Amino acid sequence: MTALDAASNESAPVIAQIQGADVTVLYQDENGAEIASPVVLKGNVGENFAAEIKAIAGYTQKASQTTGTFTDQAQTVIVSYTKVAPTEPEPEPTPKPDPAPKPDGTIVIPPEKEIVPNQPEKAPTVEKIVKSPENSEDKGVLPTTGDKSMDLAIVLGLVLSMLGVLILIRWKRRQI
């Protein structure tokens, strides 16, 4: 078949478009079970098609042929997916209660890990007692560090220094 162009008086061949058969795209898991609605693609014979790769929750797409050419025969394209093993969510940590100070100014901090003894009647009680600085009577006193006092050495050093200065002054006066 040819078409005649009236303006230029030329004829050009007309290529007839022939409707191709449908291409059905199936979305299946590794067992062949349908996991998404099928899609039907339409086109003309000789045209290329590409099946859509859907993102399906809980599955990953396996390598499979998803492109082709429309023909006069019906075609089926199967897009295969593999089920992803569900991951267990991590349990949320339980909030620790704020230790409240007792009337005497101490704070009891519970142990980090629960102790489960074999013999409950002989089980030790674990408590960590901390003095609260707000209610402490010794506010102006520094904690003991174990250092020994050096007061005697300091006083002895000052006395010797003063004695040395006096000796130097007398010696200078004798020379004059």
C-alpha atoms as a PDB file:
ATOM      1  CA  MET A   1       0.000   0.000   0.000  1.00  0.00           C
ATOM      2  CA  THR A   2       1.281   3.471  -0.796  1.00  0.00           C
ATOM      3  CA  ALA A   3       0.089   6.928   0.036  1.00  0.00           C
ATOM      4  CA  LEU A   4       0.165   9.865  -2.376  1.00  0.00           C
ATOM      5  CA  ASP A   5       1.334  13.250  -1.120  1.00  0.00           C
ATOM      6  CA  ALA A   6      -0.744  15.881  -2.969  1.00  0.00           C
ATOM      7  CA  ALA A   7       1.742  18.728  -2.447  1.00  0.00           C
ATOM      8  CA  SER A   8       4.787  17.013  -3.892  1.00  0.00           C
ATOM      9  CA  ASN A   9       3.102  14.394  -6.036  1.00  0.00           C
ATOM     10  CA  GLU A  10       5.266  11.705  -4.508  1.00  0.00           C
ATOM     11  CA  SER A  11       4.191   8.416  -3.181  1.00  0.00           C
ATOM     12  CA  ALA A  12       5.550   6.809  -0.019  1.00  0.00           C
ATOM     13  CA  PRO A  13       4.978   3.315   1.245  1.00  0.00           C
ATOM     14  CA  VAL A  14       2.648   3.069   4.225  1.00  0.00           C
ATOM     15  CA  ILE A  15       3.535   0.483   6.809  1.00  0.00           C
ATOM     16  CA  ALA A  16       0.439  -1.037   8.268  1.00  0.00           C
ATOM     17  CA  GLN A  17       0.353  -1.324  12.049  1.00  0.00           C
ATOM     18  CA  ILE A  18      -0.810  -4.759  13.071  1.00  0.00           C
ATOM     19  CA  GLN A  19      -2.073  -5.121  16.601  1.00  0.00           C
ATOM     20  CA  GLY A  20       0.071  -7.665  18.467  1.00  0.00           C
ATOM     21  CA  ALA A  21      -1.218 -10.251  20.909  1.00  0.00           C
ATOM     22  CA  ASP A  22      -1.323  -9.363  24.605  1.00  0.00           C
ATOM     23  CA  VAL A  23       1.681  -9.938  26.872  1.00  0.00           C
ATOM     24  CA  THR A  24       0.659 -10.928  30.416  1.00  0.00           C
ATOM     25  CA  VAL A  25       3.160 -10.146  33.191  1.00  0.00           C
ATOM     26  CA  LEU A  26       2.827 -12.391  36.273  1.00  0.00           C
ATOM     27  CA  TYR A  27       4.469 -11.623  39.625  1.00  0.00           C
ATOM     28  CA  GLN A  28       5.212 -14.860  41.507  1.00  0.00           C
ATOM     29  CA  ASP A  29       7.271 -16.101  44.431  1.00  0.00           C
ATOM     30  CA  GLU A  30       9.707 -19.011  44.175  1.00  0.00           C
ATOM     31  CA  ASN A  31       6.798 -21.484  44.690  1.00  0.00           C
ATOM     32  CA  GLY A  32       4.764 -20.053  41.808  1.00  0.00           C
ATOM     33  CA  ALA A  33       2.239 -18.292  44.057  1.00  0.00           C
ATOM     34  CA  GLU A  34       0.928 -14.956  42.783  1.00  0.00           C
ATOM     35  CA  ILE A  35       2.153 -12.086  44.999  1.00  0.00           C
ATOM     36  CA  ALA A  36       0.905  -9.109  42.954  1.00  0.00           C
ATOM     37  CA  SER A  37      -1.808  -8.457  40.378  1.00  0.00           C
ATOM     38  CA  PRO A  38      -0.877  -9.436  36.816  1.00  0.00           C
ATOM     39  CA  VAL A  39      -0.375  -6.692  34.219  1.00  0.00           C
ATOM     40  CA  VAL A  40      -1.407  -6.928  30.550  1.00  0.00           C
ATOM     41  CA  LEU A  41       0.784  -5.111  28.001  1.00  0.00           C
ATOM     42  CA  LYS A  42      -0.535  -4.148  24.548  1.00  0.00           C
ATOM     43  CA  GLY A  43       1.366  -3.107  21.439  1.00  0.00           C
ATOM     44  CA  ASN A  44       1.915  -3.643  17.712  1.00  0.00           C
ATOM     45  CA  VAL A  45       3.723  -6.576  16.172  1.00  0.00           C
ATOM     46  CA  GLY A  46       7.485  -5.929  16.120  1.00  0.00           C
ATOM     47  CA  GLU A  47       7.471  -3.320  18.894  1.00  0.00           C
ATOM     48  CA  ASN A  48       9.553  -3.906  22.013  1.00  0.00           C
ATOM     49  CA  PHE A  49       8.088  -4.196  25.499  1.00  0.00           C
ATOM     50  CA  ALA A  50       9.548  -4.091  29.000  1.00  0.00           C
ATOM     51  CA  ALA A  51       7.702  -5.518  32.008  1.00  0.00           C
ATOM     52  CA  GLU A  52       7.628  -3.311  35.107  1.00  0.00           C
ATOM     53  CA  ILE A  53       9.635  -4.613  38.066  1.00  0.00           C
ATOM     54  CA  LYS A  54       7.452  -3.931  41.104  1.00  0.00           C
ATOM     55  CA  ALA A  55       8.836  -3.347  44.592  1.00  0.00           C
ATOM     56  CA  ILE A  56       6.905  -5.837  46.709  1.00  0.00           C
ATOM     57  CA  ALA A  57       7.257  -5.674  50.496  1.00  0.00           C
ATOM     58  CA  GLY A  58       8.963  -8.745  51.945  1.00  0.00           C
ATOM     59  CA  TYR A  59      10.374  -9.903  48.584  1.00  0.00           C
ATOM     60  CA  THR A  60      13.414  -9.304  46.387  1.00  0.00           C
ATOM     61  CA  GLN A  61      13.298  -9.721  42.608  1.00  0.00           C
ATOM     62  CA  LYS A  62      15.281 -12.624  41.126  1.00  0.00           C
ATOM     63  CA  ALA A  63      17.006 -12.250  37.766  1.00  0.00           C
ATOM     64  CA  SER A  64      14.483 -12.963  35.004  1.00  0.00           C
ATOM     65  CA  GLN A  65      13.811 -11.896  31.407  1.00  0.00           C
ATOM     66  CA  THR A  66      11.442  -8.884  31.507  1.00  0.00           C
ATOM     67  CA  THR A  67      11.819  -7.532  27.956  1.00  0.00           C
ATOM     68  CA  GLY A  68      10.754  -8.836  24.555  1.00  0.00           C
ATOM     69  CA  THR A  69       8.984  -8.084  21.268  1.00  0.00           C
ATOM     70  CA  PHE A  70       5.247  -8.151  20.560  1.00  0.00           C
ATOM     71  CA  THR A  71       4.187 -10.946  18.189  1.00  0.00           C
ATOM     72  CA  ASP A  72       0.905 -12.239  16.808  1.00  0.00           C
ATOM     73  CA  GLN A  73       0.893 -14.903  19.557  1.00  0.00           C
ATOM     74  CA  ALA A  74       0.001 -14.309  23.242  1.00  0.00           C
ATOM     75  CA  GLN A  75       2.988 -14.284  25.580  1.00  0.00           C
ATOM     76  CA  THR A  76       3.432 -14.647  29.335  1.00  0.00           C
ATOM     77  CA  VAL A  77       6.340 -13.055  31.236  1.00  0.00           C
ATOM     78  CA  ILE A  78       6.946 -14.304  34.786  1.00  0.00           C
ATOM     79  CA  VAL A  79       8.789 -11.982  37.156  1.00  0.00           C
ATOM     80  CA  SER A  80      10.091 -14.148  40.019  1.00  0.00           C
ATOM     81  CA  TYR A  81      10.650 -12.973  43.581  1.00  0.00           C
ATOM     82  CA  THR A  82      12.327 -14.533  46.611  1.00  0.00           C
ATOM     83  CA  LYS A  83      10.820 -14.100  50.074  1.00  0.00           C
ATOM     84  CA  VAL A  84      13.051 -12.146  52.438  1.00  0.00           C
ATOM     85  CA  ALA A  85      13.445 -13.627  55.926  1.00  0.00           C
ATOM     86  CA  PRO A  86      11.830 -11.253  58.413  1.00  0.00           C
ATOM     87  CA  THR A  87      14.200  -9.646  60.865  1.00  0.00           C
ATOM     88  CA  GLU A  88      13.202  -9.529  64.486  1.00  0.00           C
ATOM     89  CA  PRO A  89      12.993  -6.004  65.829  1.00  0.00           C
ATOM     90  CA  GLU A  90      15.293  -5.312  68.744  1.00  0.00           C
ATOM     91  CA  PRO A  91      13.393  -5.000  72.020  1.00  0.00           C
ATOM     92  CA  GLU A  92      13.246  -1.489  73.352  1.00  0.00           C
ATOM     93  CA  PRO A  93      15.241  -1.039  76.543  1.00  0.00           C
ATOM     94  CA  THR A  94      13.151  -0.528  79.630  1.00  0.00           C
ATOM     95  CA  PRO A  95      13.668   2.916  81.137  1.00  0.00           C
ATOM     96  CA  LYS A  96      15.507   2.980  84.443  1.00  0.00           C
ATOM     97  CA  PRO A  97      13.726   4.777  87.256  1.00  0.00           C
ATOM     98  CA  ASP A  98      15.451   7.845  88.648  1.00  0.00           C
ATOM     99  CA  PRO A  99      16.812   7.079  92.099  1.00  0.00           C
ATOM    100  CA  ALA A 100      15.183   9.333  94.656  1.00  0.00           C
ATOM    101  CA  PRO A 101      17.227  10.554  97.631  1.00  0.00           C
ATOM    102  CA  LYS A 102      16.274   9.240 101.052  1.00  0.00           C
ATOM    103  CA  PRO A 103      15.648  11.693 103.926  1.00  0.00           C
ATOM    104  CA  ASP A 104      19.199  11.171 105.225  1.00  0.00           C
ATOM    105  CA  GLY A 105      20.658  12.327 101.881  1.00  0.00           C
ATOM    106  CA  THR A 106      21.641   8.928 100.454  1.00  0.00           C
ATOM    107  CA  ILE A 107      20.631   7.683  97.031  1.00  0.00           C
ATOM    108  CA  VAL A 108      20.128   3.961  96.468  1.00  0.00           C
ATOM    109  CA  ILE A 109      21.033   2.866  92.955  1.00  0.00           C
ATOM    110  CA  PRO A 110      19.674  -0.573  91.987  1.00  0.00           C
ATOM    111  CA  PRO A 111      22.144  -3.048  90.431  1.00  0.00           C
ATOM    112  CA  GLU A 112      22.472  -3.038  86.619  1.00  0.00           C
ATOM    113  CA  LYS A 113      21.691  -6.731  86.257  1.00  0.00           C
ATOM    114  CA  GLU A 114      19.110  -8.677  88.200  1.00  0.00           C
ATOM    115  CA  ILE A 115      20.677 -11.265  90.494  1.00  0.00           C
ATOM    116  CA  VAL A 116      18.893 -14.601  90.591  1.00  0.00           C
ATOM    117  CA  PRO A 117      20.447 -16.718  93.362  1.00  0.00           C
ATOM    118  CA  ASN A 118      20.163 -20.493  93.602  1.00  0.00           C
ATOM    119  CA  GLN A 119      19.248 -20.287  97.280  1.00  0.00           C
ATOM    120  CA  PRO A 120      16.985 -17.259  97.780  1.00  0.00           C
ATOM    121  CA  GLU A 121      17.199 -17.332 101.575  1.00  0.00           C
ATOM    122  CA  LYS A 122      21.005 -16.948 101.460  1.00  0.00           C
ATOM    123  CA  ALA A 123      21.077 -14.396  98.670  1.00  0.00           C
ATOM    124  CA  PRO A 124      23.024 -11.209  99.349  1.00  0.00           C
ATOM    125  CA  THR A 125      21.302  -7.882  98.858  1.00  0.00           C
ATOM    126  CA  VAL A 126      23.110  -5.570  96.476  1.00  0.00           C
ATOM    127  CA  GLU A 127      22.743  -1.843  96.908  1.00  0.00           C
ATOM    128  CA  LYS A 128      25.067   0.940  95.961  1.00  0.00           C
ATOM    129  CA  ILE A 129      24.782   3.875  98.346  1.00  0.00           C
ATOM    130  CA  VAL A 130      25.852   7.315  97.205  1.00  0.00           C
ATOM    131  CA  LYS A 131      25.877  10.398  99.422  1.00  0.00           C
ATOM    132  CA  SER A 132      23.932  13.230  97.904  1.00  0.00           C
ATOM    133  CA  PRO A 133      26.084  16.396  97.822  1.00  0.00           C
ATOM    134  CA  GLU A 134      23.095  18.683  98.451  1.00  0.00           C
ATOM    135  CA  ASN A 135      22.260  17.151 101.842  1.00  0.00           C
ATOM    136  CA  SER A 136      25.815  16.502 103.027  1.00  0.00           C
ATOM    137  CA  GLU A 137      27.001  18.089 106.281  1.00  0.00           C
ATOM    138  CA  ASP A 138      30.669  18.247 105.134  1.00  0.00           C
ATOM    139  CA  LYS A 139      30.151  20.695 102.257  1.00  0.00           C
ATOM    140  CA  GLY A 140      33.459  22.563 102.701  1.00  0.00           C
ATOM    141  CA  VAL A 141      35.675  19.508 103.275  1.00  0.00           C
ATOM    142  CA  LEU A 142      37.592  17.877 100.437  1.00  0.00           C
ATOM    143  CA  PRO A 143      37.725  14.082 100.266  1.00  0.00           C
ATOM    144  CA  THR A 144      40.728  12.289 101.771  1.00  0.00           C
ATOM    145  CA  THR A 145      43.184  11.245  99.088  1.00  0.00           C
ATOM    146  CA  GLY A 146      45.702   9.369 101.229  1.00  0.00           C
ATOM    147  CA  ASP A 147      48.473  11.998 100.957  1.00  0.00           C
ATOM    148  CA  LYS A 148      50.424  12.711 104.159  1.00  0.00           C
ATOM    149  CA  SER A 149      50.680  16.280 105.374  1.00  0.00           C
ATOM    150  CA  MET A 150      53.897  18.149 104.530  1.00  0.00           C
ATOM    151  CA  ASP A 151      53.363  21.025 107.005  1.00  0.00           C
ATOM    152  CA  LEU A 152      56.549  20.260 108.980  1.00  0.00           C
ATOM    153  CA  ALA A 153      58.740  20.286 105.874  1.00  0.00           C
ATOM    154  CA  ILE A 154      57.313  23.632 104.736  1.00  0.00           C
ATOM    155  CA  VAL A 155      57.878  25.312 108.120  1.00  0.00           C
ATOM    156  CA  LEU A 156      61.429  23.906 108.348  1.00  0.00           C
ATOM    157  CA  GLY A 157      62.208  25.215 104.847  1.00  0.00           C
ATOM    158  CA  LEU A 158      60.973  28.710 105.710  1.00  0.00           C
ATOM    159  CA  VAL A 159      63.040  28.823 108.940  1.00  0.00           C
ATOM    160  CA  LEU A 160      66.210  27.747 107.116  1.00  0.00           C
ATOM    161  CA  SER A 161      65.612  30.333 104.375  1.00  0.00           C
ATOM    162  CA  MET A 162      65.184  33.128 106.922  1.00  0.00           C
ATOM    163  CA  LEU A 163      68.301  32.018 108.786  1.00  0.00           C
ATOM    164  CA  GLY A 164      70.287  32.085 105.536  1.00  0.00           C
ATOM    165  CA  VAL A 165      69.108  35.617 104.731  1.00  0.00           C
ATOM    166  CA  LEU A 166      70.118  36.842 108.234  1.00  0.00           C
ATOM    167  CA  ILE A 167      73.579  35.310 107.931  1.00  0.00           C
ATOM    168  CA  LEU A 168      74.110  37.005 104.555  1.00  0.00           C
ATOM    169  CA  ILE A 169      73.049  40.407 105.915  1.00  0.00           C
ATOM    170  CA  ARG A 170      75.494  40.192 108.901  1.00  0.00           C
ATOM    171  CA  TRP A 171      78.339  39.054 106.696  1.00  0.00           C
ATOM    172  CA  LYS A 172      77.777  42.018 104.332  1.00  0.00           C
ATOM    173  CA  ARG A 173      77.801  44.498 107.281  1.00  0.00           C
ATOM    174  CA  ARG A 174      81.143  43.174 108.581  1.00  0.00           C
ATOM    175  CA  GLN A 175      82.762  43.678 105.221  1.00  0.00           C
ATOM    176  CA  ILE A 176      81.746  47.308 105.016  1.00  0.00           C
END
